[in-house]
Amino acid sequence: VESGGGLVQPGDSLRLSCAASGRTFNRYNIRYMGWFRQ
């Protein structure tokens, strides 16, 4: 689940967050966590 997006002006900053499901997340041997855009 992503959060933190919004409307900003050029030159501004934002921090996006991604919350991964908890108890089973570590069992999935995740290699990369990535950010993409479209």
All heavy atoms as atom14 arrays in JSON, in Angstrom:
{
  "sequence": "VESGGGLVQPGDSLRLSCAASGRTFNRYNIRYMGWFRQ",
  "atom14_mask": [
    [1, 1, 1, 1, 1, 1, 1, 0, 0, 0, 0, 0, 0, 0],
    [1, 1, 1, 1, 1, 1, 1, 1, 1, 0, 0, 0, 0, 0],
    [1, 1, 1, 1, 1, 1, 0, 0, 0, 0, 0, 0, 0, 0],
    [1, 1, 1, 1, 0, 0, 0, 0, 0, 0, 0, 0, 0, 0],
    [1, 1, 1, 1, 0, 0, 0, 0, 0, 0, 0, 0, 0, 0],
    [1, 1, 1, 1, 0, 0, 0, 0, 0, 0, 0, 0, 0, 0],
    [1, 1, 1, 1, 1, 1, 1, 1, 0, 0, 0, 0, 0, 0],
    [1, 1, 1, 1, 1, 1, 1, 0, 0, 0, 0, 0, 0, 0],
    [1, 1, 1, 1, 1, 1, 1, 1, 1, 0, 0, 0, 0, 0],
    [1, 1, 1, 1, 1, 1, 1, 0, 0, 0, 0, 0, 0, 0],
    [1, 1, 1, 1, 0, 0, 0, 0, 0, 0, 0, 0, 0, 0],
    [1, 1, 1, 1, 1, 1, 1, 1, 0, 0, 0, 0, 0, 0],
    [1, 1, 1, 1, 1, 1, 0, 0, 0, 0, 0, 0, 0, 0],
    [1, 1, 1, 1, 1, 1, 1, 1, 0, 0, 0, 0, 0, 0],
    [1, 1, 1, 1, 1, 1, 1, 1, 1, 1, 1, 0, 0, 0],
    [1, 1, 1, 1, 1, 1, 1, 1, 0, 0, 0, 0, 0, 0],
    [1, 1, 1, 1, 1, 1, 0, 0, 0, 0, 0, 0, 0, 0],
    [1, 1, 1, 1, 1, 1, 0, 0, 0, 0, 0, 0, 0, 0],
    [1, 1, 1, 1, 1, 0, 0, 0, 0, 0, 0, 0, 0, 0],
    [1, 1, 1, 1, 1, 0, 0, 0, 0, 0, 0, 0, 0, 0],
    [1, 1, 1, 1, 1, 1, 0, 0, 0, 0, 0, 0, 0, 0],
    [1, 1, 1, 1, 0, 0, 0, 0, 0, 0, 0, 0, 0, 0],
    [1, 1, 1, 1, 1, 1, 1, 1, 1, 1, 1, 0, 0, 0],
    [1, 1, 1, 1, 1, 1, 1, 0, 0, 0, 0, 0, 0, 0],
    [1, 1, 1, 1, 1, 1, 1, 1, 1, 1, 1, 0, 0, 0],
    [1, 1, 1, 1, 1, 1, 1, 1, 0, 0, 0, 0, 0, 0],
    [1, 1, 1, 1, 1, 1, 1, 1, 1, 1, 1, 0, 0, 0],
    [1, 1, 1, 1, 1, 1, 1, 1, 1, 1, 1, 1, 0, 0],
    [1, 1, 1, 1, 1, 1, 1, 1, 0, 0, 0, 0, 0, 0],
    [1, 1, 1, 1, 1, 1, 1, 1, 0, 0, 0, 0, 0, 0],
    [1, 1, 1, 1, 1, 1, 1, 1, 1, 1, 1, 0, 0, 0],
    [1, 1, 1, 1, 1, 1, 1, 1, 1, 1, 1, 1, 0, 0],
    [1, 1, 1, 1, 1, 1, 1, 1, 0, 0, 0, 0, 0, 0],
    [1, 1, 1, 1, 0, 0, 0, 0, 0, 0, 0, 0, 0, 0],
    [1, 1, 1, 1, 1, 1, 1, 1, 1, 1, 1, 1, 1, 1],
    [1, 1, 1, 1, 1, 1, 1, 1, 1, 1, 1, 0, 0, 0],
    [1, 1, 1, 1, 1, 1, 1, 1, 1, 1, 1, 0, 0, 0],
    [1, 1, 1, 1, 1, 1, 1, 1, 1, 0, 0, 0, 0, 0]
  ],
  "atom14_positions": [
    [[0.85, -1.18, 0.0], [0.0, 0.0, 0.0], [0.89, 1.23, 0.0], [1.66, 1.45, 0.94], [-0.94, 0.02, 1.22], [-1.78, 1.29, 1.2], [-1.82, -1.22, 1.25], [0.0, 0.0, 0.0], [0.0, 0.0, 0.0], [0.0, 0.0, 0.0], [0.0, 0.0, 0.0], [0.0, 0.0, 0.0], [0.0, 0.0, 0.0], [0.0, 0.0, 0.0]],
    [[0.75, 2.05, -1.05], [1.53, 3.27, -1.15], [0.77, 4.45, -0.54], [-0.47, 4.45, -0.51], [1.83, 3.62, -2.62], [2.55, 2.55, -3.4], [1.61, 1.68, -4.2], [0.43, 1.57, -3.8], [2.04, 1.11, -5.22], [0.0, 0.0, 0.0], [0.0, 0.0, 0.0], [0.0, 0.0, 0.0], [0.0, 0.0, 0.0], [0.0, 0.0, 0.0]],
    [[1.53, 5.43, -0.11], [0.95, 6.67, 0.38], [1.97, 7.78, 0.22], [3.15, 7.52, -0.02], [0.51, 6.54, 1.84], [1.63, 6.24, 2.67], [0.0, 0.0, 0.0], [0.0, 0.0, 0.0], [0.0, 0.0, 0.0], [0.0, 0.0, 0.0], [0.0, 0.0, 0.0], [0.0, 0.0, 0.0], [0.0, 0.0, 0.0], [0.0, 0.0, 0.0]],
    [[1.49, 9.02, 0.37], [2.4, 10.15, 0.37], [2.38, 10.99, -0.89], [3.07, 12.02, -0.95], [0.0, 0.0, 0.0], [0.0, 0.0, 0.0], [0.0, 0.0, 0.0], [0.0, 0.0, 0.0], [0.0, 0.0, 0.0], [0.0, 0.0, 0.0], [0.0, 0.0, 0.0], [0.0, 0.0, 0.0], [0.0, 0.0, 0.0], [0.0, 0.0, 0.0]],
    [[1.62, 10.57, -1.9], [1.55, 11.37, -3.11], [0.79, 12.66, -2.89], [0.18, 12.88, -1.83], [0.0, 0.0, 0.0], [0.0, 0.0, 0.0], [0.0, 0.0, 0.0], [0.0, 0.0, 0.0], [0.0, 0.0, 0.0], [0.0, 0.0, 0.0], [0.0, 0.0, 0.0], [0.0, 0.0, 0.0], [0.0, 0.0, 0.0], [0.0, 0.0, 0.0]],
    [[0.83, 13.53, -3.9], [0.1, 14.78, -3.78], [0.48, 15.74, -4.87], [1.21, 15.39, -5.81], [0.0, 0.0, 0.0], [0.0, 0.0, 0.0], [0.0, 0.0, 0.0], [0.0, 0.0, 0.0], [0.0, 0.0, 0.0], [0.0, 0.0, 0.0], [0.0, 0.0, 0.0], [0.0, 0.0, 0.0], [0.0, 0.0, 0.0], [0.0, 0.0, 0.0]],
    [[0.0, 16.96, -4.72], [0.28, 18.04, -5.66], [1.32, 18.95, -5.04], [1.1, 19.48, -3.94], [-1.01, 18.81, -5.96], [-0.87, 20.1, -6.77], [-0.32, 19.8, -8.16], [-2.21, 20.82, -6.85], [0.0, 0.0, 0.0], [0.0, 0.0, 0.0], [0.0, 0.0, 0.0], [0.0, 0.0, 0.0], [0.0, 0.0, 0.0], [0.0, 0.0, 0.0]],
    [[2.42, 19.14, -5.74], [3.49, 20.0, -5.25], [3.97, 20.89, -6.38], [3.66, 20.66, -7.55], [4.67, 19.19, -4.68], [4.24, 18.38, -3.47], [5.29, 18.3, -5.75], [0.0, 0.0, 0.0], [0.0, 0.0, 0.0], [0.0, 0.0, 0.0], [0.0, 0.0, 0.0], [0.0, 0.0, 0.0], [0.0, 0.0, 0.0], [0.0, 0.0, 0.0]],
    [[4.75, 21.89, -6.01], [5.32, 22.8, -7.0], [6.72, 22.33, -7.4], [7.37, 21.62, -6.65], [5.38, 24.21, -6.43], [4.02, 24.81, -6.15], [4.11, 26.26, -5.71], [5.14, 26.72, -5.24], [3.01, 26.99, -5.87], [0.0, 0.0, 0.0], [0.0, 0.0, 0.0], [0.0, 0.0, 0.0], [0.0, 0.0, 0.0], [0.0, 0.0, 0.0]],
    [[7.17, 22.75, -8.58], [8.54, 22.42, -8.98], [9.55, 22.85, -7.92], [9.44, 23.95, -7.35], [8.72, 23.2, -10.28], [7.33, 23.32, -10.82], [6.45, 23.48, -9.63], [0.0, 0.0, 0.0], [0.0, 0.0, 0.0], [0.0, 0.0, 0.0], [0.0, 0.0, 0.0], [0.0, 0.0, 0.0], [0.0, 0.0, 0.0], [0.0, 0.0, 0.0]],
    [[10.49, 21.95, -7.66], [11.5, 22.23, -6.65], [11.16, 21.7, -5.27], [12.03, 21.63, -4.39], [0.0, 0.0, 0.0], [0.0, 0.0, 0.0], [0.0, 0.0, 0.0], [0.0, 0.0, 0.0], [0.0, 0.0, 0.0], [0.0, 0.0, 0.0], [0.0, 0.0, 0.0], [0.0, 0.0, 0.0], [0.0, 0.0, 0.0], [0.0, 0.0, 0.0]],
    [[9.92, 21.33, -5.07], [9.48, 20.8, -3.77], [9.93, 19.36, -3.57], [10.47, 18.72, -4.49], [7.96, 20.89, -3.64], [7.48, 22.3, -3.38], [8.33, 23.18, -3.15], [6.25, 22.52, -3.42], [0.0, 0.0, 0.0], [0.0, 0.0, 0.0], [0.0, 0.0, 0.0], [0.0, 0.0, 0.0], [0.0, 0.0, 0.0], [0.0, 0.0, 0.0]],
    [[9.66, 18.87, -2.38], [10.0, 17.48, -2.03], [8.75, 16.73, -1.59], [7.78, 17.33, -1.1], [11.02, 17.46, -0.89], [12.23, 18.07, -1.28], [0.0, 0.0, 0.0], [0.0, 0.0, 0.0], [0.0, 0.0, 0.0], [0.0, 0.0, 0.0], [0.0, 0.0, 0.0], [0.0, 0.0, 0.0], [0.0, 0.0, 0.0], [0.0, 0.0, 0.0]],
    [[8.8, 15.42, -1.75], [7.76, 14.52, -1.25], [8.44, 13.25, -0.8], [9.48, 12.86, -1.35], [6.76, 14.16, -2.34], [5.54, 15.04, -2.61], [4.74, 14.45, -3.74], [4.68, 15.18, -1.36], [0.0, 0.0, 0.0], [0.0, 0.0, 0.0], [0.0, 0.0, 0.0], [0.0, 0.0, 0.0], [0.0, 0.0, 0.0], [0.0, 0.0, 0.0]],
    [[7.83, 12.58, 0.17], [8.3, 11.25, 0.55], [7.16, 10.27, 0.38], [6.11, 10.42, 1.02], [8.83, 11.2, 1.97], [9.5, 9.86, 2.27], [10.12, 9.78, 3.64], [9.17, 9.42, 4.67], [9.47, 8.8, 5.81], [10.74, 8.45, 6.03], [8.55, 8.54, 6.71], [0.0, 0.0, 0.0], [0.0, 0.0, 0.0], [0.0, 0.0, 0.0]],
    [[7.37, 9.3, -0.48], [6.4, 8.23, -0.66], [6.73, 7.08, 0.29], [7.89, 6.8, 0.55], [6.41, 7.72, -2.1], [6.17, 8.76, -3.19], [6.14, 8.07, -4.55], [4.91, 9.55, -2.94], [0.0, 0.0, 0.0], [0.0, 0.0, 0.0], [0.0, 0.0, 0.0], [0.0, 0.0, 0.0], [0.0, 0.0, 0.0], [0.0, 0.0, 0.0]],
    [[5.68, 6.45, 0.77], [5.84, 5.3, 1.64], [5.12, 4.1, 1.04], [4.09, 4.24, 0.38], [5.26, 5.59, 3.03], [5.93, 6.67, 3.65], [0.0, 0.0, 0.0], [0.0, 0.0, 0.0], [0.0, 0.0, 0.0], [0.0, 0.0, 0.0], [0.0, 0.0, 0.0], [0.0, 0.0, 0.0], [0.0, 0.0, 0.0], [0.0, 0.0, 0.0]],
    [[5.66, 2.94, 1.31], [5.05, 1.68, 0.87], [5.03, 0.75, 2.06], [6.09, 0.37, 2.58], [5.85, 1.08, -0.28], [5.3, -0.57, -0.78], [0.0, 0.0, 0.0], [0.0, 0.0, 0.0], [0.0, 0.0, 0.0], [0.0, 0.0, 0.0], [0.0, 0.0, 0.0], [0.0, 0.0, 0.0], [0.0, 0.0, 0.0], [0.0, 0.0, 0.0]],
    [[3.84, 0.39, 2.48], [3.67, -0.53, 3.6], [3.42, -1.93, 3.06], [2.49, -2.14, 2.27], [2.5, -0.08, 4.47], [0.0, 0.0, 0.0], [0.0, 0.0, 0.0], [0.0, 0.0, 0.0], [0.0, 0.0, 0.0], [0.0, 0.0, 0.0], [0.0, 0.0, 0.0], [0.0, 0.0, 0.0], [0.0, 0.0, 0.0], [0.0, 0.0, 0.0]],
    [[4.26, -2.87, 3.48], [4.12, -4.26, 3.05], [3.42, -5.06, 4.12], [3.59, -4.81, 5.3], [5.48, -4.85, 2.75], [0.0, 0.0, 0.0], [0.0, 0.0, 0.0], [0.0, 0.0, 0.0], [0.0, 0.0, 0.0], [0.0, 0.0, 0.0], [0.0, 0.0, 0.0], [0.0, 0.0, 0.0], [0.0, 0.0, 0.0], [0.0, 0.0, 0.0]],
    [[2.63, -6.06, 3.69], [1.89, -6.89, 4.64], [2.87, -7.58, 5.57], [3.92, -8.05, 5.17], [1.03, -7.89, 3.89], [1.83, -8.64, 3.0], [0.0, 0.0, 0.0], [0.0, 0.0, 0.0], [0.0, 0.0, 0.0], [0.0, 0.0, 0.0], [0.0, 0.0, 0.0], [0.0, 0.0, 0.0], [0.0, 0.0, 0.0], [0.0, 0.0, 0.0]],
    [[2.44, -7.64, 6.81], [3.34, -7.9, 7.92], [3.85, -9.3, 8.13], [4.95, -9.63, 7.7], [0.0, 0.0, 0.0], [0.0, 0.0, 0.0], [0.0, 0.0, 0.0], [0.0, 0.0, 0.0], [0.0, 0.0, 0.0], [0.0, 0.0, 0.0], [0.0, 0.0, 0.0], [0.0, 0.0, 0.0], [0.0, 0.0, 0.0], [0.0, 0.0, 0.0]],
    [[3.1, -10.16, 8.77], [3.66, -11.37, 9.33], [4.24, -12.29, 8.29], [5.23, -12.98, 8.55], [2.58, -12.12, 10.12], [2.17, -11.41, 11.4], [1.11, -12.21, 12.1], [-0.09, -12.31, 11.31], [-1.12, -13.09, 11.64], [-1.06, -13.86, 12.71], [-2.2, -13.1, 10.87], [0.0, 0.0, 0.0], [0.0, 0.0, 0.0], [0.0, 0.0, 0.0]],
    [[3.68, -12.33, 7.09], [4.16, -13.27, 6.09], [5.15, -12.64, 5.12], [5.73, -13.33, 4.31], [2.99, -13.84, 5.27], [2.31, -12.74, 4.65], [2.03, -14.58, 6.16], [0.0, 0.0, 0.0], [0.0, 0.0, 0.0], [0.0, 0.0, 0.0], [0.0, 0.0, 0.0], [0.0, 0.0, 0.0], [0.0, 0.0, 0.0], [0.0, 0.0, 0.0]],
    [[5.36, -11.33, 5.21], [6.18, -10.65, 4.23], [7.59, -11.22, 4.2], [8.15, -11.48, 3.16], [6.2, -9.16, 4.51], [7.0, -8.37, 3.54], [6.57, -8.21, 2.24], [8.2, -7.79, 3.91], [7.31, -7.47, 1.33], [8.95, -7.06, 3.01], [8.5, -6.89, 1.72], [0.0, 0.0, 0.0], [0.0, 0.0, 0.0], [0.0, 0.0, 0.0]],
    [[8.18, -11.43, 5.34], [9.56, -11.89, 5.4], [9.75, -13.3, 4.86], [10.88, -13.7, 4.57], [10.09, -11.8, 6.82], [10.25, -10.36, 7.28], [10.38, -9.46, 6.47], [10.24, -10.15, 8.58], [0.0, 0.0, 0.0], [0.0, 0.0, 0.0], [0.0, 0.0, 0.0], [0.0, 0.0, 0.0], [0.0, 0.0, 0.0], [0.0, 0.0, 0.0]],
    [[8.7, -14.09, 4.74], [8.81, -15.46, 4.25], [8.91, -15.53, 2.74], [9.15, -16.58, 2.18], [7.6, -16.27, 4.71], [7.5, -16.4, 6.22], [6.32, -17.28, 6.59], [6.15, -17.4, 8.03], [5.19, -18.1, 8.6], [4.31, -18.74, 7.86], [5.1, -18.16, 9.91], [0.0, 0.0, 0.0], [0.0, 0.0, 0.0], [0.0, 0.0, 0.0]],
    [[8.69, -14.44, 2.06], [8.62, -14.48, 0.61], [9.97, -14.27, -0.06], [10.04, -14.23, -1.28], [7.61, -13.44, 0.12], [6.18, -13.91, 0.23], [5.51, -13.8, 1.44], [5.53, -14.49, -0.83], [4.21, -14.24, 1.56], [4.22, -14.92, -0.73], [3.56, -14.8, 0.48], [2.27, -15.25, 0.59], [0.0, 0.0, 0.0], [0.0, 0.0, 0.0]],
    [[11.04, -14.15, 0.68], [12.38, -14.0, 0.1], [12.41, -12.92, -0.97], [12.87, -13.14, -2.09], [12.87, -15.33, -0.47], [13.07, -16.35, 0.62], [13.58, -16.06, 1.7], [12.65, -17.58, 0.35], [0.0, 0.0, 0.0], [0.0, 0.0, 0.0], [0.0, 0.0, 0.0], [0.0, 0.0, 0.0], [0.0, 0.0, 0.0], [0.0, 0.0, 0.0]],
    [[11.89, -11.78, -0.62], [11.87, -10.67, -1.56], [13.29, -10.24, -1.87], [14.09, -10.01, -0.97], [11.08, -9.49, -0.98], [9.65, -9.91, -0.65], [11.1, -8.3, -1.93], [8.86, -10.38, -1.84], [0.0, 0.0, 0.0], [0.0, 0.0, 0.0], [0.0, 0.0, 0.0], [0.0, 0.0, 0.0], [0.0, 0.0, 0.0], [0.0, 0.0, 0.0]],
    [[13.63, -10.17, -3.17], [14.97, -9.75, -3.56], [15.04, -8.22, -3.64], [15.89, -7.62, -3.01], [15.33, -10.37, -4.91], [16.73, -9.98, -5.37], [17.1, -10.64, -6.68], [16.18, -10.34, -7.76], [16.45, -10.58, -9.05], [17.61, -11.11, -9.39], [15.56, -10.3, -9.99], [0.0, 0.0, 0.0], [0.0, 0.0, 0.0], [0.0, 0.0, 0.0]],
    [[14.18, -7.65, -4.43], [14.15, -6.2, -4.57], [12.79, -5.66, -4.14], [11.76, -6.3, -4.37], [14.35, -5.76, -6.02], [15.66, -6.15, -6.65], [15.67, -6.84, -7.86], [16.87, -5.83, -6.06], [16.86, -7.2, -8.46], [18.07, -6.19, -6.65], [18.05, -6.87, -7.85], [19.23, -7.23, -8.44], [0.0, 0.0, 0.0], [0.0, 0.0, 0.0]],
    [[12.81, -4.49, -3.6], [11.63, -3.65, -3.5], [11.88, -2.47, -4.43], [12.93, -1.83, -4.36], [11.4, -3.16, -2.07], [11.01, -4.26, -1.1], [9.43, -5.0, -1.49], [8.34, -3.58, -1.33], [0.0, 0.0, 0.0], [0.0, 0.0, 0.0], [0.0, 0.0, 0.0], [0.0, 0.0, 0.0], [0.0, 0.0, 0.0], [0.0, 0.0, 0.0]],
    [[10.92, -2.23, -5.3], [11.14, -1.2, -6.3], [10.04, -0.17, -6.33], [8.92, -0.4, -5.86], [0.0, 0.0, 0.0], [0.0, 0.0, 0.0], [0.0, 0.0, 0.0], [0.0, 0.0, 0.0], [0.0, 0.0, 0.0], [0.0, 0.0, 0.0], [0.0, 0.0, 0.0], [0.0, 0.0, 0.0], [0.0, 0.0, 0.0], [0.0, 0.0, 0.0]],
    [[10.39, 0.98, -6.88], [9.42, 2.02, -7.19], [9.4, 2.2, -8.71], [10.47, 2.3, -9.34], [9.77, 3.34, -6.52], [9.5, 3.38, -5.06], [10.38, 3.16, -4.05], [8.24, 3.66, -4.44], [9.75, 3.28, -2.83], [8.45, 3.59, -3.04], [6.97, 3.97, -4.91], [7.42, 3.82, -2.12], [5.96, 4.2, -4.0], [6.18, 4.13, -2.63]],
    [[8.2, 2.25, -9.24], [8.0, 2.49, -10.66], [7.02, 3.64, -10.82], [6.33, 4.01, -9.87], [7.44, 1.23, -11.34], [8.41, 0.09, -11.38], [8.62, -0.7, -10.25], [9.12, -0.2, -12.52], [9.52, -1.75, -10.27], [10.03, -1.26, -12.56], [10.22, -2.03, -11.43], [0.0, 0.0, 0.0], [0.0, 0.0, 0.0], [0.0, 0.0, 0.0]],
    [[6.95, 4.19, -12.01], [5.98, 5.24, -12.26], [5.43, 5.1, -13.68], [6.08, 4.53, -14.56], [6.59, 6.62, -12.03], [7.71, 7.01, -13.0], [8.33, 8.32, -12.56], [9.39, 8.75, -13.49], [10.18, 9.79, -13.27], [10.05, 10.52, -12.15], [11.1, 10.12, -14.16], [0.0, 0.0, 0.0], [0.0, 0.0, 0.0], [0.0, 0.0, 0.0]],
    [[4.25, 5.66, -13.84], [3.58, 5.53, -15.13], [2.71, 6.75, -15.37], [2.02, 7.23, -14.46], [2.74, 4.26, -15.18], [2.19, 3.92, -16.55], [1.59, 2.53, -16.59], [1.19, 1.96, -15.58], [1.55, 1.96, -17.78], [0.0, 0.0, 0.0], [0.0, 0.0, 0.0], [0.0, 0.0, 0.0], [0.0, 0.0, 0.0], [0.0, 0.0, 0.0]]
  ]
}
